[in-house]
N, C-alpha and C. Protein backbone atom coordinates (compact mmCIF):
# COMPACT_ATOMS: atom_id res chain seq x y z
N MET A 1 68.32 82.52 81.42
CA MET A 1 67.49 82.89 80.30
C MET A 1 68.18 83.92 79.41
N GLN A 2 68.98 84.80 79.98
CA GLN A 2 69.66 85.80 79.18
C GLN A 2 70.89 85.18 78.54
N GLY A 3 71.27 85.73 77.41
CA GLY A 3 72.49 85.30 76.76
C GLY A 3 72.25 84.95 75.31
N VAL A 4 73.31 84.48 74.67
CA VAL A 4 73.25 84.12 73.25
C VAL A 4 72.38 82.87 73.10
N VAL A 5 71.36 82.97 72.24
CA VAL A 5 70.46 81.84 72.02
C VAL A 5 70.65 81.23 70.63
N TYR A 6 71.37 81.95 69.75
CA TYR A 6 71.62 81.44 68.41
C TYR A 6 72.86 82.12 67.87
N GLU A 7 73.74 81.34 67.23
CA GLU A 7 74.91 81.92 66.58
C GLU A 7 75.35 80.99 65.46
N LYS A 8 75.22 81.51 64.23
CA LYS A 8 75.58 80.70 63.06
C LYS A 8 75.73 81.61 61.85
N ASN A 9 76.73 81.34 61.03
CA ASN A 9 76.96 82.08 59.78
C ASN A 9 76.99 83.60 59.98
N GLY A 10 77.58 84.04 61.07
CA GLY A 10 77.71 85.47 61.32
C GLY A 10 76.51 86.13 61.95
N VAL A 11 75.44 85.37 62.17
CA VAL A 11 74.24 85.91 62.82
C VAL A 11 74.27 85.51 64.30
N LYS A 12 74.09 86.49 65.16
CA LYS A 12 74.03 86.20 66.60
C LYS A 12 72.75 86.79 67.17
N VAL A 13 71.99 85.97 67.90
CA VAL A 13 70.77 86.42 68.57
C VAL A 13 70.98 86.28 70.07
N THR A 14 70.77 87.39 70.76
CA THR A 14 70.96 87.42 72.21
C THR A 14 69.63 87.76 72.88
N ALA A 15 69.25 86.97 73.86
CA ALA A 15 68.02 87.23 74.63
C ALA A 15 68.38 88.02 75.88
N PHE A 16 67.46 88.92 76.28
CA PHE A 16 67.66 89.68 77.51
C PHE A 16 66.30 89.89 78.16
N GLU A 17 66.30 89.93 79.49
CA GLU A 17 65.05 90.10 80.23
C GLU A 17 64.54 91.53 80.10
N VAL A 18 63.21 91.67 79.96
CA VAL A 18 62.56 92.98 79.89
C VAL A 18 61.44 93.02 80.92
N ASP A 19 61.00 94.22 81.23
CA ASP A 19 59.93 94.41 82.20
C ASP A 19 58.59 94.42 81.46
N HIS A 20 57.83 93.37 81.64
CA HIS A 20 56.51 93.29 81.02
C HIS A 20 55.55 92.83 82.11
N ALA A 21 54.77 93.75 82.61
CA ALA A 21 53.95 93.51 83.81
C ALA A 21 53.06 92.28 83.74
N THR A 22 52.54 91.95 82.58
CA THR A 22 51.60 90.84 82.49
C THR A 22 52.24 89.50 82.16
N ALA A 23 53.53 89.50 81.87
CA ALA A 23 54.20 88.24 81.52
C ALA A 23 55.56 88.18 82.20
N LYS A 24 55.79 87.13 82.95
CA LYS A 24 57.08 86.94 83.61
C LYS A 24 57.47 85.49 83.48
N PRO A 25 58.63 85.16 83.04
CA PRO A 25 59.62 86.10 82.52
C PRO A 25 59.26 86.55 81.11
N ALA A 26 59.75 87.71 80.75
CA ALA A 26 59.56 88.25 79.40
C ALA A 26 60.94 88.55 78.82
N LEU A 27 61.09 88.31 77.52
CA LEU A 27 62.39 88.50 76.89
C LEU A 27 62.31 89.44 75.69
N GLY A 28 63.39 90.16 75.48
CA GLY A 28 63.62 90.92 74.26
C GLY A 28 64.77 90.23 73.54
N TYR A 29 64.99 90.59 72.30
CA TYR A 29 66.05 89.96 71.52
C TYR A 29 66.85 91.00 70.76
N ARG A 30 68.14 90.76 70.68
CA ARG A 30 69.04 91.58 69.87
C ARG A 30 69.63 90.67 68.81
N VAL A 31 69.55 91.11 67.55
CA VAL A 31 70.11 90.35 66.42
C VAL A 31 71.27 91.16 65.86
N ASP A 32 72.45 90.54 65.83
CA ASP A 32 73.64 91.17 65.27
C ASP A 32 74.08 90.43 64.01
N TYR A 33 74.41 91.22 62.99
CA TYR A 33 74.90 90.64 61.73
C TYR A 33 75.62 91.72 60.93
N GLY A 34 76.78 91.40 60.45
CA GLY A 34 77.50 92.30 59.56
C GLY A 34 77.80 93.67 60.16
N GLY A 35 78.06 93.73 61.46
CA GLY A 35 78.37 94.98 62.10
C GLY A 35 77.17 95.85 62.43
N ARG A 36 75.99 95.32 62.23
CA ARG A 36 74.75 96.06 62.54
C ARG A 36 73.91 95.24 63.50
N SER A 37 72.96 95.93 64.15
CA SER A 37 72.10 95.20 65.07
C SER A 37 70.71 95.81 65.08
N VAL A 38 69.76 94.99 65.50
CA VAL A 38 68.38 95.42 65.68
C VAL A 38 67.88 94.75 66.96
N MET A 39 67.03 95.47 67.70
CA MET A 39 66.47 94.91 68.93
C MET A 39 64.95 94.86 68.83
N VAL A 40 64.39 93.82 69.43
CA VAL A 40 62.94 93.66 69.51
C VAL A 40 62.61 93.46 70.98
N SER A 41 61.76 94.35 71.53
CA SER A 41 61.44 94.21 72.95
C SER A 41 59.95 94.26 73.24
N GLY A 42 59.12 94.43 72.23
CA GLY A 42 57.69 94.46 72.46
C GLY A 42 57.25 95.72 73.19
N ASP A 43 56.15 95.63 73.91
CA ASP A 43 55.60 96.81 74.59
C ASP A 43 56.07 96.88 76.03
N THR A 44 57.38 97.08 76.19
CA THR A 44 57.98 97.16 77.51
C THR A 44 58.47 98.57 77.79
N PRO A 45 58.48 98.97 79.06
CA PRO A 45 59.02 100.29 79.38
C PRO A 45 60.55 100.26 79.34
N VAL A 46 61.14 101.42 79.29
CA VAL A 46 62.60 101.51 79.32
C VAL A 46 63.10 101.00 80.66
N SER A 47 64.17 100.22 80.62
CA SER A 47 64.76 99.70 81.85
C SER A 47 66.28 99.69 81.68
N GLU A 48 66.98 99.56 82.78
CA GLU A 48 68.45 99.52 82.73
C GLU A 48 68.93 98.35 81.88
N ASN A 49 68.27 97.20 81.98
CA ASN A 49 68.68 96.03 81.21
C ASN A 49 68.48 96.26 79.71
N LEU A 50 67.42 96.92 79.34
CA LEU A 50 67.16 97.24 77.93
C LEU A 50 68.25 98.17 77.40
N ILE A 51 68.60 99.19 78.16
CA ILE A 51 69.65 100.12 77.75
C ILE A 51 70.99 99.41 77.66
N ARG A 52 71.31 98.59 78.65
CA ARG A 52 72.57 97.85 78.66
C ARG A 52 72.66 96.92 77.45
N SER A 53 71.58 96.27 77.09
CA SER A 53 71.57 95.34 75.97
C SER A 53 71.77 96.05 74.63
N ARG A 54 71.32 97.29 74.54
CA ARG A 54 71.46 98.02 73.28
C ARG A 54 72.89 98.44 73.05
N LYS A 55 73.67 98.58 74.10
CA LYS A 55 75.05 99.06 73.98
C LYS A 55 76.00 97.96 73.54
N GLY A 56 75.64 96.74 73.65
CA GLY A 56 76.53 95.66 73.24
C GLY A 56 76.39 94.47 74.15
N PRO A 57 77.07 93.40 73.80
CA PRO A 57 76.97 92.18 74.59
C PRO A 57 77.47 92.39 76.02
N THR A 58 76.68 92.02 76.98
CA THR A 58 77.07 92.15 78.37
C THR A 58 76.84 90.84 79.12
N PHE A 59 76.53 89.79 78.41
CA PHE A 59 76.17 88.54 79.08
C PHE A 59 77.31 87.56 79.06
């Protein structure tokens, strides 16, 4: 489930697992474009996987 889910025209979207007690599996997403990135993780607590995903591609 984790890994690059979309890559085209310089846009890369990477999915990563997050801790969401009421939904399993739950995913967050990192979008990279033009040397910048944004992450969307919803209402999840901080976790090692969330921190690792923010630092760069690890999948």
